[in-house]
Amino acid sequence: MKVVHIVEALEGGVYTYFKDLSTFFGDEEINTAVETTVIYSGNRKSIDPEKVKTDFSSGVQLISISMAREIAPFQDLKSTFKLIRELRKINPDIIHLHSSKAGVLGRIAYFFLFKKKKLFYTPHGYAFLRTDISNKSKKLYSIIENSFQRIFGGTIIACGDTEFEIAKKIGPAKLVRNGVDIPEIRHHFLPHQNSKLTIGILGRITAARNPKLFNDIALRFPDFDFVWIGNGELNALITAPNIRITGWILDKKKVFEELNTIDIYMQTSLWEGLPIAVLEAMVLEKPVIATNIIGNKDLVLNQETGFLFDAIEELDSYFEILKDNQTRVSFGKNAFKRCQELFDKNQNFKQLLALYKQ
């Protein structure tokens, strides 16, 4: 069986997802039956093709094709022709598209293949749910998602429970949750408590993560320390004196070590698919405070693993509760248990493999 994955947005949580996917499907026992190819775009600034080759399993074939993030008719046409050429060379049995841009270009390329294949699509957070774009753009993205599903068909594989509920309204859908490499992350777990309560976030400083809100929260709670593990183009929005920006940490082991040193994980996202960084924090037994949005609310159980909030004022009581170390330990253990039950990447990739084989 030949499976081709196509993705444009190979960064952040999607990068981790594909790295783990390559490890699972690149395993010698599996790749004798399933030949996996990942076609990705190296256009984004944070993508280093050499690092991709190093991080990804040698059991998976990698092909780089330039794709633009936003709508760009001329570039999109060139990218589509290149996809058609590569797909005809590989002649896959299954094509699995990831995120909105690949979902569009990949379906058009699929249409021009001589023989139709099984088609799957994972949104990783629908573009029409973004809050950094106009209502007109949201409506356009919604029309594209719905019309492309009607025209080209295929099965949507949602990465989270709420995304699954939305997907079912658009077309045939299955649920295969995102997962993480639990044993690898647990190597870096050590019980930890700071003298001053420390709240952290992991990821690129972009509009999606809402750095202004993170900064406002730090200003509201000057007695706490805050840390942003990462960097990004909107780092100028981080001005609170009690926030430390680590800068880019390329070694994932050091990322986990840094993540282990915080007391509370905070996700201030404006939109999500199913955030990998939150899962990683949960495996390290961190209670999570997160914005009450799709993706976050599929992970955080209120008053069991952390808290969801709609307004910054709600944090006054949540931080008061989580000042207590025993409460944080209890929430953290609940979070780790939840990951073991639902978000183990090996179990979830086995579900994906079973879908391919149907």
Protein backbone atom coordinates (compact mmCIF):
# COMPACT_ATOMS: atom_id res chain seq x y z
CA MET A 1 0.00 0.00 0.00
CA LYS A 2 1.32 3.44 -0.96
CA VAL A 3 0.23 6.43 1.10
CA VAL A 4 1.04 10.05 0.25
CA HIS A 5 0.59 12.83 2.82
CA ILE A 6 0.46 16.41 1.53
CA VAL A 7 0.96 19.37 3.89
CA GLU A 8 1.81 23.04 3.43
CA ALA A 9 1.94 24.20 7.06
CA LEU A 10 4.81 22.03 8.33
CA GLU A 11 5.56 23.97 11.49
CA GLY A 12 4.58 24.10 15.17
CA GLY A 13 2.26 21.32 16.31
CA VAL A 14 1.81 20.05 12.74
CA TYR A 15 5.59 19.59 12.50
CA THR A 16 5.56 17.49 15.68
CA TYR A 17 2.59 15.51 14.34
CA PHE A 18 4.44 14.69 11.11
CA LYS A 19 7.69 13.90 12.89
CA ASP A 20 5.82 11.38 15.04
CA LEU A 21 3.91 10.09 12.00
CA SER A 22 7.20 9.48 10.18
CA THR A 23 8.55 7.56 13.18
CA PHE A 24 5.46 5.35 13.33
CA PHE A 25 5.02 4.69 9.60
CA GLY A 26 8.78 4.62 8.98
CA ASP A 27 9.18 1.72 11.39
CA GLU A 28 10.59 -1.31 9.54
CA GLU A 29 7.72 -3.57 10.55
CA ILE A 30 5.08 -1.13 9.23
CA ASN A 31 6.81 0.31 6.16
CA THR A 32 7.16 -3.15 4.59
CA ALA A 33 3.36 -3.06 4.18
CA VAL A 34 2.79 0.71 3.97
CA GLU A 35 5.08 2.86 1.83
CA THR A 36 4.77 6.44 3.09
CA THR A 37 5.67 9.67 1.28
CA VAL A 38 5.35 13.17 2.77
CA ILE A 39 5.03 16.04 0.29
CA TYR A 40 5.55 19.33 2.12
CA SER A 41 6.26 22.99 1.47
CA GLY A 42 9.49 24.52 2.73
CA ASN A 43 8.29 28.10 2.17
CA ARG A 44 7.67 29.13 5.77
CA LYS A 45 10.56 30.85 7.54
CA SER A 46 10.65 28.37 10.42
CA ILE A 47 11.07 25.34 8.12
CA ASP A 48 14.61 24.05 7.59
CA PRO A 49 14.64 21.26 4.95
CA GLU A 50 17.90 19.88 6.37
CA LYS A 51 16.39 19.67 9.86
CA VAL A 52 13.32 17.94 8.39
CA LYS A 53 15.59 15.28 6.88
CA THR A 54 17.35 14.82 10.22
CA ASP A 55 14.19 14.74 12.35
CA PHE A 56 12.08 12.50 10.12
CA SER A 57 12.49 8.74 9.86
CA SER A 58 14.55 7.46 6.94
CA GLY A 59 11.73 4.97 6.37
CA VAL A 60 9.58 7.79 4.95
CA GLN A 61 10.21 9.50 1.60
CA LEU A 62 10.27 13.32 1.69
CA ILE A 63 9.44 15.59 -1.27
CA SER A 64 9.51 19.39 -1.05
CA ILE A 65 7.14 21.40 -3.27
CA SER A 66 6.73 25.17 -2.89
CA MET A 67 3.20 26.14 -1.73
CA ALA A 68 1.98 29.59 -0.67
CA ARG A 69 0.16 29.94 2.65
CA GLU A 70 -2.54 32.38 1.48
CA ILE A 71 -4.51 32.39 -1.78
CA ALA A 72 -2.03 33.16 -4.61
CA PRO A 73 -3.49 32.08 -7.98
CA PHE A 74 -0.26 31.93 -10.03
CA GLN A 75 1.78 30.17 -7.31
CA ASP A 76 -1.15 27.86 -6.52
CA LEU A 77 -1.39 26.81 -10.17
CA LYS A 78 2.35 26.02 -10.32
CA SER A 79 2.13 24.06 -7.06
CA THR A 80 -0.85 22.06 -8.33
CA PHE A 81 0.97 21.06 -11.54
CA LYS A 82 3.95 19.90 -9.47
CA LEU A 83 1.67 17.89 -7.19
CA ILE A 84 0.01 16.22 -10.17
CA ARG A 85 3.42 15.28 -11.58
CA GLU A 86 4.65 13.79 -8.28
CA LEU A 87 1.41 11.91 -7.61
CA ARG A 88 1.47 10.37 -11.09
CA LYS A 89 5.06 9.23 -10.48
CA ILE A 90 4.27 7.68 -7.10
CA ASN A 91 0.84 6.29 -8.09
CA PRO A 92 -0.39 6.04 -4.48
CA ASP A 93 -3.32 4.01 -3.20
CA ILE A 94 -4.20 6.67 -0.62
CA ILE A 95 -3.82 10.47 -0.58
CA HIS A 96 -4.11 12.15 2.82
CA LEU A 97 -4.28 15.96 2.80
CA HIS A 98 -3.47 18.05 5.88
CA SER A 99 -4.62 21.63 6.65
CA SER A 100 -6.61 23.97 4.44
CA LYS A 101 -4.11 24.89 1.70
CA ALA A 102 -3.07 21.31 0.97
CA GLY A 103 -6.75 20.39 1.20
CA VAL A 104 -7.49 22.66 -1.75
CA LEU A 105 -4.42 22.07 -3.94
CA GLY A 106 -4.32 18.36 -3.18
CA ARG A 107 -7.96 17.83 -4.15
CA ILE A 108 -7.46 19.63 -7.47
CA ALA A 109 -4.37 17.50 -8.17
CA TYR A 110 -6.33 14.40 -7.19
CA PHE A 111 -9.02 15.29 -9.76
CA PHE A 112 -6.46 15.15 -12.60
CA LEU A 113 -5.09 11.71 -11.75
CA PHE A 114 -5.81 8.96 -14.27
CA LYS A 115 -7.12 6.60 -11.61
CA LYS A 116 -8.98 7.77 -8.52
CA LYS A 117 -7.53 6.94 -5.11
CA LYS A 118 -8.81 6.84 -1.55
CA LEU A 119 -8.88 10.45 -0.35
CA PHE A 120 -8.60 11.66 3.25
CA TYR A 121 -8.41 15.20 4.63
CA THR A 122 -7.45 16.44 8.10
CA PRO A 123 -8.12 20.18 8.68
CA HIS A 124 -5.92 20.58 11.81
CA GLY A 125 -8.17 23.55 12.62
CA TYR A 126 -10.54 24.84 9.97
CA ALA A 127 -9.37 28.12 8.37
CA PHE A 128 -12.88 29.61 8.65
CA LEU A 129 -12.51 29.49 12.45
CA ARG A 130 -9.53 31.86 12.42
CA THR A 131 -10.14 35.09 14.29
CA ASP A 132 -7.34 37.14 12.74
CA ILE A 133 -9.17 37.48 9.42
CA SER A 134 -12.25 39.39 8.28
CA ASN A 135 -15.77 37.93 8.29
CA LYS A 136 -15.65 38.08 4.50
CA SER A 137 -12.53 35.88 4.47
CA LYS A 138 -14.10 33.48 6.97
CA LYS A 139 -17.14 33.14 4.74
CA LEU A 140 -14.93 32.54 1.71
CA TYR A 141 -12.97 29.81 3.51
CA SER A 142 -16.20 28.19 4.68
CA ILE A 143 -17.57 28.16 1.12
CA ILE A 144 -14.31 26.63 -0.14
CA GLU A 145 -14.33 23.87 2.52
CA ASN A 146 -17.95 22.94 1.89
CA SER A 147 -17.86 23.15 -1.91
CA PHE A 148 -14.57 21.24 -2.28
CA GLN A 149 -15.95 18.47 -0.08
CA ARG A 150 -19.08 18.25 -2.22
CA ILE A 151 -17.18 18.30 -5.52
CA PHE A 152 -14.23 16.03 -4.75
CA GLY A 153 -15.57 13.87 -1.91
CA GLY A 154 -13.28 11.91 0.37
CA THR A 155 -13.34 11.31 4.12
CA ILE A 156 -12.52 13.99 6.68
CA ILE A 157 -10.34 12.75 9.55
CA ALA A 158 -10.79 15.18 12.44
CA CYS A 159 -7.92 15.60 14.91
CA GLY A 160 -10.17 16.54 17.85
CA ASP A 161 -13.69 15.99 19.14
CA THR A 162 -15.12 19.43 18.35
CA GLU A 163 -13.48 19.47 14.93
CA PHE A 164 -15.16 16.08 14.40
CA GLU A 165 -18.60 17.55 15.21
CA ILE A 166 -18.00 20.36 12.69
CA ALA A 167 -16.63 17.95 10.07
CA LYS A 168 -19.72 15.73 10.23
CA LYS A 169 -21.79 18.70 9.02
CA ILE A 170 -19.51 19.11 6.00
CA GLY A 171 -19.09 15.50 4.86
CA PRO A 172 -18.28 11.90 5.84
CA ALA A 173 -15.99 12.09 8.87
CA LYS A 174 -13.93 9.97 11.25
CA LEU A 175 -12.18 10.90 14.48
CA VAL A 176 -8.48 10.17 15.00
CA ARG A 177 -7.22 12.42 17.77
CA ASN A 178 -3.78 14.01 17.78
CA GLY A 179 -1.41 12.28 20.14
CA VAL A 180 2.10 12.67 21.50
CA ASP A 181 5.08 10.43 22.24
CA ILE A 182 4.31 9.87 25.92
CA PRO A 183 7.37 7.72 26.86
CA GLU A 184 9.77 10.22 25.21
CA ILE A 185 8.23 13.22 27.02
CA ARG A 186 8.10 11.38 30.36
CA HIS A 187 11.90 11.03 30.30
CA HIS A 188 11.99 14.73 31.14
CA PHE A 189 9.44 14.69 33.95
CA LEU A 190 10.68 15.65 37.39
CA PRO A 191 8.45 17.01 40.19
CA HIS A 192 9.14 20.72 40.28
CA GLN A 193 7.98 23.73 42.28
CA ASN A 194 9.19 27.32 41.93
CA SER A 195 9.52 29.77 44.81
CA LYS A 196 7.40 32.15 42.72
CA LEU A 197 4.46 30.76 40.73
CA THR A 198 5.61 30.40 37.11
CA ILE A 199 3.22 30.26 34.15
CA GLY A 200 4.42 29.22 30.71
CA ILE A 201 3.38 28.82 27.08
CA LEU A 202 5.17 26.95 24.28
CA GLY A 203 5.12 27.89 20.62
CA ARG A 204 5.67 30.52 17.99
CA ILE A 205 4.71 34.09 18.96
CA THR A 206 2.04 34.57 16.29
CA ALA A 207 -1.48 35.95 16.05
CA ALA A 208 -2.92 32.47 16.63
CA ARG A 209 -1.33 32.28 20.09
CA ASN A 210 -2.60 35.78 21.02
CA PRO A 211 0.58 37.22 22.60
CA LYS A 212 -1.23 40.44 23.55
CA LEU A 213 -3.54 38.47 25.86
CA PHE A 214 -0.59 36.61 27.38
CA ASN A 215 1.10 39.97 27.99
CA ASP A 216 -2.06 41.46 29.52
CA ILE A 217 -2.33 38.51 31.90
CA ALA A 218 1.29 38.96 33.00
CA LEU A 219 0.64 42.66 33.65
CA ARG A 220 -2.45 41.76 35.70
CA PHE A 221 -0.43 39.36 37.87
CA PRO A 222 2.91 41.09 38.52
CA ASP A 223 3.71 38.79 41.47
CA PHE A 224 3.96 35.76 39.15
CA ASP A 225 6.69 34.87 36.68
CA PHE A 226 5.78 34.14 33.06
CA VAL A 227 7.82 32.45 30.34
CA TRP A 228 7.26 32.12 26.59
CA ILE A 229 9.15 29.08 25.32
CA GLY A 230 9.86 30.08 21.73
CA ASN A 231 9.97 33.25 19.68
CA GLY A 232 8.24 34.79 16.70
CA GLU A 233 7.41 37.78 14.57
CA LEU A 234 5.04 39.31 17.16
CA ASN A 235 7.50 39.26 20.06
CA ALA A 236 7.31 43.07 20.21
CA LEU A 237 3.88 42.61 21.81
CA ILE A 238 5.55 41.00 24.83
CA THR A 239 6.43 43.98 27.03
CA ALA A 240 5.55 42.89 30.60
CA PRO A 241 8.70 42.92 32.79
CA ASN A 242 7.76 39.58 34.38
CA ILE A 243 7.78 37.68 31.05
CA ARG A 244 10.93 35.88 29.90
CA ILE A 245 11.17 34.88 26.21
CA THR A 246 13.53 31.92 25.81
CA GLY A 247 14.11 32.40 22.09
CA TRP A 248 14.14 29.46 19.72
CA ILE A 249 15.25 26.18 21.29
CA LEU A 250 16.03 23.75 18.47
CA ASP A 251 16.72 20.75 20.70
CA LYS A 252 13.34 19.24 21.63
CA LYS A 253 14.83 17.64 24.76
CA LYS A 254 15.76 21.09 26.04
CA VAL A 255 12.25 22.30 25.21
CA PHE A 256 10.80 19.58 27.45
CA GLU A 257 13.29 20.41 30.20
CA GLU A 258 12.21 24.06 30.06
CA LEU A 259 8.54 23.06 29.97
CA ASN A 260 9.05 20.88 33.03
CA THR A 261 10.23 23.88 35.09
CA ILE A 262 6.91 25.79 34.93
CA ASP A 263 4.10 25.37 37.47
CA ILE A 264 1.09 26.07 35.21
CA TYR A 265 0.74 25.84 31.45
CA MET A 266 -1.30 28.57 29.77
CA GLN A 267 -2.72 28.45 26.22
CA THR A 268 -4.02 31.84 25.11
CA SER A 269 -4.90 30.74 21.55
CA LEU A 270 -7.49 32.45 19.40
CA TRP A 271 -8.08 29.25 17.39
CA GLU A 272 -6.76 25.68 17.39
CA GLY A 273 -7.09 22.22 15.87
CA LEU A 274 -5.94 20.08 18.79
CA PRO A 275 -2.84 21.73 20.29
CA ILE A 276 0.18 19.43 20.62
CA ALA A 277 1.94 21.80 23.06
CA VAL A 278 -0.91 21.47 25.55
CA LEU A 279 -0.68 17.68 25.34
CA GLU A 280 3.07 17.82 25.97
CA ALA A 281 2.48 19.96 29.07
CA MET A 282 -0.19 17.53 30.30
CA VAL A 283 2.21 14.59 29.96
CA LEU A 284 4.60 16.57 32.19
CA GLU A 285 1.74 16.84 34.72
CA LYS A 286 1.12 20.55 34.33
CA PRO A 287 -2.35 21.94 35.13
CA VAL A 288 -3.58 23.91 32.12
CA ILE A 289 -5.40 27.24 31.93
CA ALA A 290 -6.64 27.84 28.38
CA THR A 291 -8.97 30.00 26.36
CA ASN A 292 -12.39 28.40 25.93
CA ILE A 293 -12.11 27.62 22.22
CA ILE A 294 -12.28 24.60 19.90
CA GLY A 295 -9.25 22.39 20.48
CA ASN A 296 -8.45 23.68 23.97
CA LYS A 297 -11.83 22.60 25.31
CA ASP A 298 -11.28 19.11 23.88
CA LEU A 299 -8.25 18.72 26.16
CA VAL A 300 -8.93 20.62 29.39
CA LEU A 301 -11.48 19.31 31.87
CA ASN A 302 -12.65 22.20 34.04
CA GLN A 303 -11.66 21.79 37.70
CA GLU A 304 -10.06 18.39 36.95
CA THR A 305 -7.05 19.08 34.73
CA GLY A 306 -7.23 22.87 34.74
CA PHE A 307 -9.56 25.69 33.73
CA LEU A 308 -11.05 27.20 30.57
CA PHE A 309 -11.69 30.94 30.50
CA ASP A 310 -13.51 33.46 28.34
CA ALA A 311 -12.53 36.65 30.16
CA ILE A 312 -9.28 37.66 31.85
CA GLU A 313 -11.14 38.47 35.08
CA GLU A 314 -11.89 34.76 35.58
CA LEU A 315 -8.19 34.13 36.12
CA ASP A 316 -8.25 35.84 39.52
CA SER A 317 -10.03 32.88 41.09
CA TYR A 318 -8.29 30.23 38.96
CA PHE A 319 -4.81 31.38 39.95
CA GLU A 320 -5.93 31.61 43.57
CA ILE A 321 -6.95 27.93 43.43
CA LEU A 322 -3.77 26.88 41.65
CA LYS A 323 -1.51 28.67 44.10
CA ASP A 324 -1.92 25.55 46.21
CA ASN A 325 0.80 23.06 45.29
CA GLN A 326 -1.28 19.99 46.15
CA THR A 327 -4.07 21.16 43.85
CA ARG A 328 -1.57 21.62 41.03
CA VAL A 329 -0.17 18.13 41.63
CA SER A 330 -3.67 16.63 41.63
CA PHE A 331 -4.69 18.43 38.41
CA GLY A 332 -1.38 17.46 36.81
CA LYS A 333 -1.83 13.77 37.55
CA ASN A 334 -5.36 13.93 36.12
CA ALA A 335 -3.95 15.59 32.98
CA PHE A 336 -1.33 12.88 32.51
CA LYS A 337 -3.91 10.13 32.97
CA ARG A 338 -6.15 11.79 30.34
CA CYS A 339 -3.26 11.78 27.87
CA GLN A 340 -2.60 8.10 28.51
CA GLU A 341 -6.25 7.27 27.84
CA LEU A 342 -6.89 9.41 24.74
CA PHE A 343 -3.77 11.03 23.31
CA ASP A 344 -1.10 8.35 22.90
CA LYS A 345 0.31 8.85 19.40
CA ASN A 346 1.04 5.16 18.81
CA GLN A 347 -2.52 4.11 19.63
CA ASN A 348 -3.94 6.93 17.51
CA PHE A 349 -1.70 6.19 14.51
CA LYS A 350 -2.84 2.58 14.74
CA GLN A 351 -6.41 3.87 14.33
CA LEU A 352 -5.26 5.84 11.28
CA LEU A 353 -3.62 2.75 9.81
CA ALA A 354 -6.82 0.77 10.35
CA LEU A 355 -8.75 3.44 8.40
CA TYR A 356 -6.29 3.19 5.52
CA LYS A 357 -6.75 -0.56 5.40
CA GLN A 358 -10.56 -0.50 5.34
